[in-house]
Amino acid sequence: MCEIRRPGFGTERRGQPNEQGLAAMRGSEAIMRRRQEVVAYCMSFPDVYEDYPFHDPNWCVMRHRGSTKGFALIYQKDGNIWVNVKCDPQWRDFWREAYVSVIPGYHMNKTHWNSIILDGTIPTKDIRRMIVESYELTRGGSSGRCVGLKGG
């Protein structure tokens, strides 16, 4: 695996998932609560990189390499890690009704984005499902290839 640092674009990794990504995909019993767990899971997808565009280390944006579109914004707020993910409007309300800790996207378009508050109340498999949906919705292109749910 090679790691590439691009000025203004954060760290990019290519190749096979690293150990952190593999551990995140294994579906351990622990509930996803830490920033590093979310970043590792996101980095396990093809052609993504970690970016800090706001010059604030609290805000991490996981982006697609080709289009630079963000699919997960990761930050700390009110003592918890939050993850903003894009969602299909048909699923948006399902997630919001299923979990008190899934709310309309903080600083985002409330129609298309949800915020996931990692307070320990949402099973890891559902957090992963929301992240992979966001990845798929934002990756663009018409290859028809589906990443599928990793580790869930």
N, C-alpha and C. Protein backbone atom coordinates (compact mmCIF):
# COMPACT_ATOMS: atom_id res chain seq x y z
N MET A 1 0.85 -1.16 0.00
CA MET A 1 0.00 0.00 0.00
C MET A 1 0.90 1.23 0.00
N CYS A 2 0.54 2.21 -0.82
CA CYS A 2 1.31 3.44 -0.78
C CYS A 2 0.44 4.55 -0.22
N GLU A 3 1.09 5.50 0.42
CA GLU A 3 0.38 6.63 1.00
C GLU A 3 0.89 7.87 0.30
N ILE A 4 -0.03 8.69 -0.16
CA ILE A 4 0.31 9.89 -0.92
C ILE A 4 -0.23 11.10 -0.18
N ARG A 5 0.60 12.09 0.04
CA ARG A 5 0.17 13.33 0.70
C ARG A 5 0.12 14.40 -0.37
N ARG A 6 -1.06 14.93 -0.65
CA ARG A 6 -1.21 15.98 -1.64
C ARG A 6 -1.51 17.27 -0.92
N PRO A 7 -0.77 18.33 -1.18
CA PRO A 7 -1.02 19.61 -0.50
C PRO A 7 -2.47 20.04 -0.70
N GLY A 8 -3.12 20.35 0.41
CA GLY A 8 -4.50 20.80 0.37
C GLY A 8 -5.52 19.69 0.21
N PHE A 9 -5.05 18.44 0.02
CA PHE A 9 -5.99 17.35 -0.21
C PHE A 9 -5.89 16.24 0.84
N GLY A 10 -5.02 16.35 1.81
CA GLY A 10 -4.93 15.34 2.85
C GLY A 10 -4.17 14.11 2.40
N THR A 11 -4.40 12.98 3.06
CA THR A 11 -3.69 11.74 2.81
C THR A 11 -4.54 10.83 1.94
N GLU A 12 -3.90 10.19 0.98
CA GLU A 12 -4.58 9.27 0.08
C GLU A 12 -3.88 7.94 0.14
N ARG A 13 -4.63 6.87 0.18
CA ARG A 13 -4.03 5.54 0.19
C ARG A 13 -4.56 4.76 -0.99
N ARG A 14 -3.68 3.94 -1.57
CA ARG A 14 -4.08 3.08 -2.67
C ARG A 14 -3.70 1.66 -2.35
N GLY A 15 -4.44 0.72 -2.91
CA GLY A 15 -4.11 -0.68 -2.71
C GLY A 15 -5.07 -1.35 -1.76
N GLN A 16 -4.59 -2.38 -1.09
CA GLN A 16 -5.41 -3.18 -0.19
C GLN A 16 -5.70 -2.42 1.11
N PRO A 17 -6.85 -2.74 1.76
CA PRO A 17 -7.14 -2.09 3.05
C PRO A 17 -6.04 -2.37 4.06
N ASN A 18 -5.72 -1.37 4.88
CA ASN A 18 -4.70 -1.55 5.91
C ASN A 18 -5.30 -2.32 7.09
N GLU A 19 -4.49 -2.59 8.09
CA GLU A 19 -4.95 -3.37 9.25
C GLU A 19 -6.11 -2.70 9.97
N GLN A 20 -6.08 -1.36 10.07
CA GLN A 20 -7.19 -0.67 10.73
C GLN A 20 -8.48 -0.85 9.94
N GLY A 21 -8.37 -0.75 8.62
CA GLY A 21 -9.55 -0.93 7.77
C GLY A 21 -10.08 -2.34 7.86
N LEU A 22 -9.17 -3.31 7.86
CA LEU A 22 -9.60 -4.70 7.99
C LEU A 22 -10.27 -4.96 9.33
N ALA A 23 -9.71 -4.39 10.39
CA ALA A 23 -10.31 -4.57 11.71
C ALA A 23 -11.69 -3.93 11.75
N ALA A 24 -11.84 -2.78 11.12
CA ALA A 24 -13.14 -2.11 11.09
C ALA A 24 -14.17 -2.91 10.31
N MET A 25 -13.72 -3.67 9.30
CA MET A 25 -14.64 -4.44 8.48
C MET A 25 -15.02 -5.77 9.11
N ARG A 26 -14.29 -6.24 10.09
CA ARG A 26 -14.53 -7.57 10.65
C ARG A 26 -15.83 -7.69 11.42
N GLY A 27 -16.43 -6.57 11.77
CA GLY A 27 -17.71 -6.64 12.46
C GLY A 27 -17.56 -7.05 13.91
N SER A 28 -16.59 -6.49 14.59
CA SER A 28 -16.40 -6.82 16.00
C SER A 28 -17.63 -6.42 16.79
N GLU A 29 -17.72 -6.93 17.99
CA GLU A 29 -18.87 -6.68 18.85
C GLU A 29 -18.92 -5.23 19.34
N ALA A 30 -17.79 -4.55 19.34
CA ALA A 30 -17.74 -3.18 19.86
C ALA A 30 -18.55 -2.25 18.96
N ILE A 31 -19.18 -1.26 19.56
CA ILE A 31 -19.94 -0.24 18.84
C ILE A 31 -18.95 0.83 18.35
N MET A 32 -19.10 1.26 17.12
CA MET A 32 -18.24 2.28 16.54
C MET A 32 -18.48 3.61 17.26
N ARG A 33 -17.43 4.15 17.90
CA ARG A 33 -17.57 5.40 18.65
C ARG A 33 -16.43 6.38 18.41
N ARG A 34 -15.31 5.90 17.85
CA ARG A 34 -14.13 6.76 17.75
C ARG A 34 -13.90 7.23 16.31
N ARG A 35 -13.35 8.43 16.19
CA ARG A 35 -13.03 9.01 14.90
C ARG A 35 -12.16 8.07 14.07
N GLN A 36 -11.13 7.47 14.71
CA GLN A 36 -10.21 6.59 13.99
C GLN A 36 -10.92 5.39 13.37
N GLU A 37 -11.94 4.88 14.05
CA GLU A 37 -12.71 3.74 13.52
C GLU A 37 -13.47 4.14 12.26
N VAL A 38 -14.05 5.33 12.27
CA VAL A 38 -14.80 5.80 11.10
C VAL A 38 -13.85 6.06 9.94
N VAL A 39 -12.74 6.73 10.21
CA VAL A 39 -11.77 7.01 9.16
C VAL A 39 -11.24 5.70 8.57
N ALA A 40 -10.88 4.74 9.42
CA ALA A 40 -10.36 3.46 8.94
C ALA A 40 -11.40 2.74 8.06
N TYR A 41 -12.65 2.77 8.47
CA TYR A 41 -13.68 2.12 7.66
C TYR A 41 -13.81 2.82 6.31
N CYS A 42 -13.86 4.14 6.32
CA CYS A 42 -13.97 4.89 5.06
C CYS A 42 -12.76 4.65 4.16
N MET A 43 -11.58 4.57 4.74
CA MET A 43 -10.37 4.35 3.95
C MET A 43 -10.33 2.95 3.34
N SER A 44 -11.18 2.05 3.80
CA SER A 44 -11.21 0.70 3.24
C SER A 44 -11.92 0.65 1.89
N PHE A 45 -12.61 1.72 1.51
CA PHE A 45 -13.25 1.78 0.20
C PHE A 45 -12.23 2.16 -0.87
N PRO A 46 -12.48 1.76 -2.11
CA PRO A 46 -11.55 2.11 -3.19
C PRO A 46 -11.53 3.61 -3.48
N ASP A 47 -10.34 4.10 -3.80
CA ASP A 47 -10.16 5.45 -4.34
C ASP A 47 -10.72 6.56 -3.46
N VAL A 48 -10.39 6.52 -2.17
CA VAL A 48 -10.81 7.59 -1.26
C VAL A 48 -9.58 8.18 -0.56
N TYR A 49 -9.74 9.36 -0.03
CA TYR A 49 -8.69 9.98 0.75
C TYR A 49 -9.29 10.84 1.86
N GLU A 50 -8.46 11.13 2.83
CA GLU A 50 -8.80 11.90 4.01
C GLU A 50 -8.39 13.35 3.75
N ASP A 51 -9.26 14.30 4.04
CA ASP A 51 -8.98 15.71 3.76
C ASP A 51 -9.36 16.55 4.98
N TYR A 52 -8.65 17.65 5.16
CA TYR A 52 -8.93 18.61 6.23
C TYR A 52 -9.03 20.00 5.60
N PRO A 53 -10.10 20.26 4.83
CA PRO A 53 -10.18 21.49 4.03
C PRO A 53 -10.46 22.75 4.81
N PHE A 54 -10.92 22.64 6.05
CA PHE A 54 -11.30 23.82 6.81
C PHE A 54 -10.17 24.33 7.69
N HIS A 55 -8.97 23.76 7.54
CA HIS A 55 -7.81 24.13 8.35
C HIS A 55 -8.14 24.03 9.84
N ASP A 56 -8.97 23.04 10.16
CA ASP A 56 -9.38 22.77 11.53
C ASP A 56 -9.29 21.26 11.71
N PRO A 57 -8.38 20.78 12.56
CA PRO A 57 -8.20 19.33 12.70
C PRO A 57 -9.44 18.60 13.24
N ASN A 58 -10.43 19.34 13.74
CA ASN A 58 -11.65 18.71 14.21
C ASN A 58 -12.51 18.19 13.04
N TRP A 59 -12.39 18.80 11.87
CA TRP A 59 -13.23 18.46 10.73
C TRP A 59 -12.45 17.67 9.69
N CYS A 60 -12.81 16.39 9.53
CA CYS A 60 -12.21 15.52 8.53
C CYS A 60 -13.27 15.21 7.48
N VAL A 61 -12.88 15.33 6.22
CA VAL A 61 -13.79 14.99 5.12
C VAL A 61 -13.21 13.81 4.36
N MET A 62 -13.99 12.75 4.22
CA MET A 62 -13.58 11.60 3.43
C MET A 62 -14.11 11.82 2.02
N ARG A 63 -13.18 11.78 1.04
CA ARG A 63 -13.53 12.15 -0.33
C ARG A 63 -13.20 11.05 -1.33
N HIS A 64 -13.89 11.11 -2.47
CA HIS A 64 -13.57 10.26 -3.62
C HIS A 64 -12.39 10.89 -4.35
N ARG A 65 -11.42 10.07 -4.71
CA ARG A 65 -10.21 10.58 -5.36
C ARG A 65 -10.52 11.27 -6.68
N GLY A 66 -11.31 10.66 -7.54
CA GLY A 66 -11.55 11.23 -8.87
C GLY A 66 -12.34 12.52 -8.86
N SER A 67 -13.46 12.53 -8.17
CA SER A 67 -14.36 13.69 -8.21
C SER A 67 -14.12 14.67 -7.07
N THR A 68 -13.43 14.27 -6.04
CA THR A 68 -13.20 15.00 -4.79
C THR A 68 -14.48 15.24 -3.99
N LYS A 69 -15.58 14.58 -4.37
CA LYS A 69 -16.82 14.73 -3.61
C LYS A 69 -16.66 14.08 -2.24
N GLY A 70 -17.18 14.75 -1.23
CA GLY A 70 -17.15 14.22 0.12
C GLY A 70 -18.31 13.27 0.35
N PHE A 71 -18.05 12.19 1.08
CA PHE A 71 -19.13 11.26 1.41
C PHE A 71 -19.30 11.09 2.92
N ALA A 72 -18.33 11.55 3.71
CA ALA A 72 -18.47 11.50 5.17
C ALA A 72 -17.69 12.67 5.76
N LEU A 73 -18.36 13.46 6.58
CA LEU A 73 -17.70 14.52 7.32
C LEU A 73 -17.67 14.07 8.77
N ILE A 74 -16.48 14.03 9.36
CA ILE A 74 -16.30 13.47 10.70
C ILE A 74 -15.78 14.58 11.60
N TYR A 75 -16.41 14.77 12.76
CA TYR A 75 -16.04 15.86 13.65
C TYR A 75 -16.54 15.56 15.06
N GLN A 76 -15.98 16.26 16.02
CA GLN A 76 -16.43 16.13 17.40
C GLN A 76 -17.32 17.30 17.74
N LYS A 77 -18.45 17.00 18.40
CA LYS A 77 -19.40 18.04 18.82
C LYS A 77 -20.11 17.52 20.06
N ASP A 78 -20.22 18.34 21.04
CA ASP A 78 -20.95 18.01 22.27
C ASP A 78 -20.47 16.71 22.92
N GLY A 79 -19.17 16.47 22.87
CA GLY A 79 -18.58 15.32 23.56
C GLY A 79 -18.66 14.00 22.81
N ASN A 80 -19.21 13.99 21.59
CA ASN A 80 -19.29 12.77 20.79
C ASN A 80 -18.72 13.02 19.40
N ILE A 81 -18.35 11.95 18.72
CA ILE A 81 -17.98 12.04 17.31
C ILE A 81 -19.27 12.01 16.51
N TRP A 82 -19.36 12.89 15.54
CA TRP A 82 -20.50 12.96 14.63
C TRP A 82 -20.00 12.65 13.23
N VAL A 83 -20.85 12.02 12.42
CA VAL A 83 -20.53 11.72 11.03
C VAL A 83 -21.70 12.17 10.17
N ASN A 84 -21.44 13.10 9.26
CA ASN A 84 -22.47 13.51 8.30
C ASN A 84 -22.36 12.62 7.08
N VAL A 85 -23.48 12.04 6.67
CA VAL A 85 -23.52 11.15 5.51
C VAL A 85 -24.68 11.55 4.60
N LYS A 86 -24.45 11.40 3.31
CA LYS A 86 -25.52 11.64 2.34
C LYS A 86 -26.45 10.43 2.38
N CYS A 87 -27.74 10.69 2.20
CA CYS A 87 -28.70 9.57 2.23
C CYS A 87 -29.77 9.79 1.17
N ASP A 88 -30.29 8.69 0.70
CA ASP A 88 -31.41 8.72 -0.21
C ASP A 88 -32.61 9.24 0.58
N PRO A 89 -33.34 10.22 0.05
CA PRO A 89 -34.49 10.75 0.79
C PRO A 89 -35.49 9.68 1.21
N GLN A 90 -35.55 8.56 0.48
CA GLN A 90 -36.46 7.48 0.86
C GLN A 90 -36.02 6.81 2.15
N TRP A 91 -34.72 6.82 2.44
CA TRP A 91 -34.17 6.21 3.66
C TRP A 91 -33.95 7.22 4.78
N ARG A 92 -33.88 8.48 4.44
CA ARG A 92 -33.58 9.54 5.40
C ARG A 92 -34.45 9.43 6.65
N ASP A 93 -35.74 9.40 6.45
CA ASP A 93 -36.66 9.38 7.60
C ASP A 93 -36.64 8.05 8.33
N PHE A 94 -36.39 6.96 7.60
CA PHE A 94 -36.28 5.66 8.27
C PHE A 94 -35.18 5.71 9.33
N TRP A 95 -33.98 6.20 8.95
CA TRP A 95 -32.86 6.26 9.89
C TRP A 95 -33.16 7.21 11.04
N ARG A 96 -33.77 8.34 10.73
CA ARG A 96 -34.09 9.33 11.77
C ARG A 96 -35.11 8.79 12.77
N GLU A 97 -36.05 7.99 12.29
CA GLU A 97 -37.06 7.42 13.18
C GLU A 97 -36.53 6.21 13.94
N ALA A 98 -35.60 5.48 13.32
CA ALA A 98 -35.06 4.28 13.96
C ALA A 98 -34.14 4.61 15.12
N TYR A 99 -33.40 5.73 15.02
CA TYR A 99 -32.41 6.08 16.05
C TYR A 99 -32.50 7.55 16.41
N VAL A 100 -32.62 7.83 17.68
CA VAL A 100 -32.64 9.21 18.18
C VAL A 100 -31.34 9.92 17.82
N SER A 101 -30.24 9.17 17.69
CA SER A 101 -28.93 9.74 17.40
C SER A 101 -28.65 9.91 15.91
N VAL A 102 -29.66 9.77 15.08
CA VAL A 102 -29.55 10.13 13.65
C VAL A 102 -30.50 11.29 13.46
N ILE A 103 -29.92 12.44 13.10
CA ILE A 103 -30.69 13.68 13.00
C ILE A 103 -30.40 14.34 11.65
N PRO A 104 -31.20 15.34 11.27
CA PRO A 104 -30.90 16.06 10.02
C PRO A 104 -29.46 16.58 10.03
N GLY A 105 -28.82 16.55 8.88
CA GLY A 105 -27.40 16.89 8.76
C GLY A 105 -27.03 18.24 9.32
N TYR A 106 -26.07 18.24 10.24
CA TYR A 106 -25.55 19.46 10.86
C TYR A 106 -24.76 20.25 9.81
N HIS A 107 -25.16 21.48 9.55
CA HIS A 107 -24.54 22.35 8.55
C HIS A 107 -24.64 21.79 7.14
N MET A 108 -25.65 20.97 6.87
CA MET A 108 -25.79 20.35 5.55
C MET A 108 -27.24 20.50 5.08
N ASN A 109 -27.48 20.14 3.81
CA ASN A 109 -28.83 20.11 3.26
C ASN A 109 -29.62 19.03 3.99
N LYS A 110 -30.65 19.43 4.70
CA LYS A 110 -31.41 18.49 5.56
C LYS A 110 -32.20 17.46 4.76
N THR A 111 -32.42 17.71 3.48
CA THR A 111 -33.14 16.75 2.64
C THR A 111 -32.27 15.56 2.28
N HIS A 112 -30.97 15.79 2.09
CA HIS A 112 -30.09 14.75 1.58
C HIS A 112 -29.01 14.27 2.54
N TRP A 113 -28.89 14.89 3.70
CA TRP A 113 -27.82 14.53 4.63
C TRP A 113 -28.35 14.27 6.03
N ASN A 114 -27.79 13.26 6.66
CA ASN A 114 -28.05 12.97 8.07
C ASN A 114 -26.76 13.10 8.85
N SER A 115 -26.89 13.42 10.12
CA SER A 115 -25.77 13.37 11.06
C SER A 115 -25.97 12.16 11.95
N ILE A 116 -24.92 11.35 12.07
CA ILE A 116 -24.94 10.19 12.95
C ILE A 116 -24.12 10.57 14.18
N ILE A 117 -24.72 10.53 15.35
CA ILE A 117 -24.01 10.83 16.59
C ILE A 117 -23.54 9.50 17.18
N LEU A 118 -22.23 9.34 17.28
CA LEU A 118 -21.67 8.07 17.76
C LEU A 118 -21.64 8.06 19.28
N ASP A 119 -22.82 7.86 19.86
CA ASP A 119 -22.97 7.86 21.32
C ASP A 119 -23.13 6.45 21.89
N GLY A 120 -22.97 5.44 21.03
CA GLY A 120 -23.07 4.06 21.49
C GLY A 120 -24.45 3.45 21.35
N THR A 121 -25.41 4.19 20.80
CA THR A 121 -26.77 3.68 20.70
C THR A 121 -27.10 3.08 19.33
N ILE A 122 -26.21 3.25 18.36
CA ILE A 122 -26.46 2.75 17.00
C ILE A 122 -25.52 1.58 16.73
N PRO A 123 -26.05 0.43 16.34
CA PRO A 123 -25.17 -0.71 16.03
C PRO A 123 -24.20 -0.39 14.90
N THR A 124 -22.99 -0.91 15.03
CA THR A 124 -21.95 -0.67 14.03
C THR A 124 -22.42 -1.04 12.64
N LYS A 125 -23.17 -2.13 12.50
CA LYS A 125 -23.61 -2.56 11.17
C LYS A 125 -24.49 -1.50 10.51
N ASP A 126 -25.28 -0.77 11.28
CA ASP A 126 -26.13 0.28 10.71
C ASP A 126 -25.33 1.54 10.41
N ILE A 127 -24.35 1.85 11.24
CA ILE A 127 -23.46 2.98 10.94
C ILE A 127 -22.74 2.70 9.61
N ARG A 128 -22.22 1.50 9.46
CA ARG A 128 -21.54 1.11 8.21
C ARG A 128 -22.49 1.17 7.02
N ARG A 129 -23.70 0.73 7.22
CA ARG A 129 -24.69 0.74 6.13
C ARG A 129 -24.94 2.18 5.66
N MET A 130 -25.04 3.12 6.59
CA MET A 130 -25.26 4.52 6.21
C MET A 130 -24.04 5.10 5.51
N ILE A 131 -22.85 4.74 5.97
CA ILE A 131 -21.62 5.25 5.33
C ILE A 131 -21.49 4.71 3.91
N VAL A 132 -21.74 3.42 3.72
CA VAL A 132 -21.60 2.84 2.38
C VAL A 132 -22.65 3.42 1.43
N GLU A 133 -23.85 3.71 1.94
CA GLU A 133 -24.86 4.35 1.09
C GLU A 133 -24.38 5.73 0.66
N SER A 134 -23.79 6.48 1.57
CA SER A 134 -23.28 7.79 1.24
C SER A 134 -22.16 7.69 0.20
N TYR A 135 -21.27 6.72 0.39
CA TYR A 135 -20.19 6.49 -0.59
C TYR A 135 -20.78 6.25 -1.97
N GLU A 136 -21.76 5.37 -2.06
CA GLU A 136 -22.38 5.02 -3.34
C GLU A 136 -23.09 6.23 -3.96
N LEU A 137 -23.81 7.00 -3.16
CA LEU A 137 -24.56 8.14 -3.69
C LEU A 137 -23.66 9.26 -4.20
N THR A 138 -22.46 9.37 -3.67
CA THR A 138 -21.59 10.48 -4.03
C THR A 138 -20.49 10.12 -5.01
N ARG A 139 -20.29 8.84 -5.29
CA ARG A 139 -19.13 8.47 -6.10
C ARG A 139 -19.27 8.82 -7.57
N GLY A 140 -20.49 8.98 -8.07
CA GLY A 140 -20.67 9.38 -9.46
C GLY A 140 -20.30 8.27 -10.42
N GLY A 141 -20.34 8.60 -11.71
CA GLY A 141 -20.02 7.61 -12.72
C GLY A 141 -21.17 6.65 -12.93
N SER A 142 -21.09 5.88 -13.99
CA SER A 142 -22.16 4.93 -14.29
C SER A 142 -21.59 3.55 -14.53
N SER A 143 -20.61 3.18 -13.73
CA SER A 143 -19.96 1.88 -13.93
C SER A 143 -20.88 0.74 -13.56
N GLY A 144 -21.89 1.02 -12.74
CA GLY A 144 -22.81 -0.03 -12.32
C GLY A 144 -22.23 -0.93 -11.25
N ARG A 145 -20.96 -0.72 -10.91
CA ARG A 145 -20.32 -1.55 -9.88
C ARG A 145 -20.77 -1.08 -8.51
N CYS A 146 -21.15 -1.99 -7.69
CA CYS A 146 -21.59 -1.67 -6.33
C CYS A 146 -20.57 -2.18 -5.33
N VAL A 147 -20.16 -1.32 -4.41
CA VAL A 147 -19.20 -1.71 -3.40
C VAL A 147 -19.81 -2.74 -2.47
N GLY A 148 -21.08 -2.57 -2.13
CA GLY A 148 -21.74 -3.47 -1.20
C GLY A 148 -21.39 -3.09 0.24
N LEU A 149 -22.03 -3.76 1.15
CA LEU A 149 -21.81 -3.48 2.56
C LEU A 149 -20.58 -4.20 3.05
N LYS A 150 -19.61 -3.46 3.52
CA LYS A 150 -18.37 -4.05 4.01
C LYS A 150 -18.52 -4.31 5.50
N GLY A 151 -18.24 -5.51 5.87
CA GLY A 151 -18.19 -5.86 7.29
C GLY A 151 -19.52 -5.85 8.00
N GLY A 152 -20.61 -5.85 7.30
CA GLY A 152 -21.89 -5.81 7.99
C GLY A 152 -22.80 -6.77 7.47
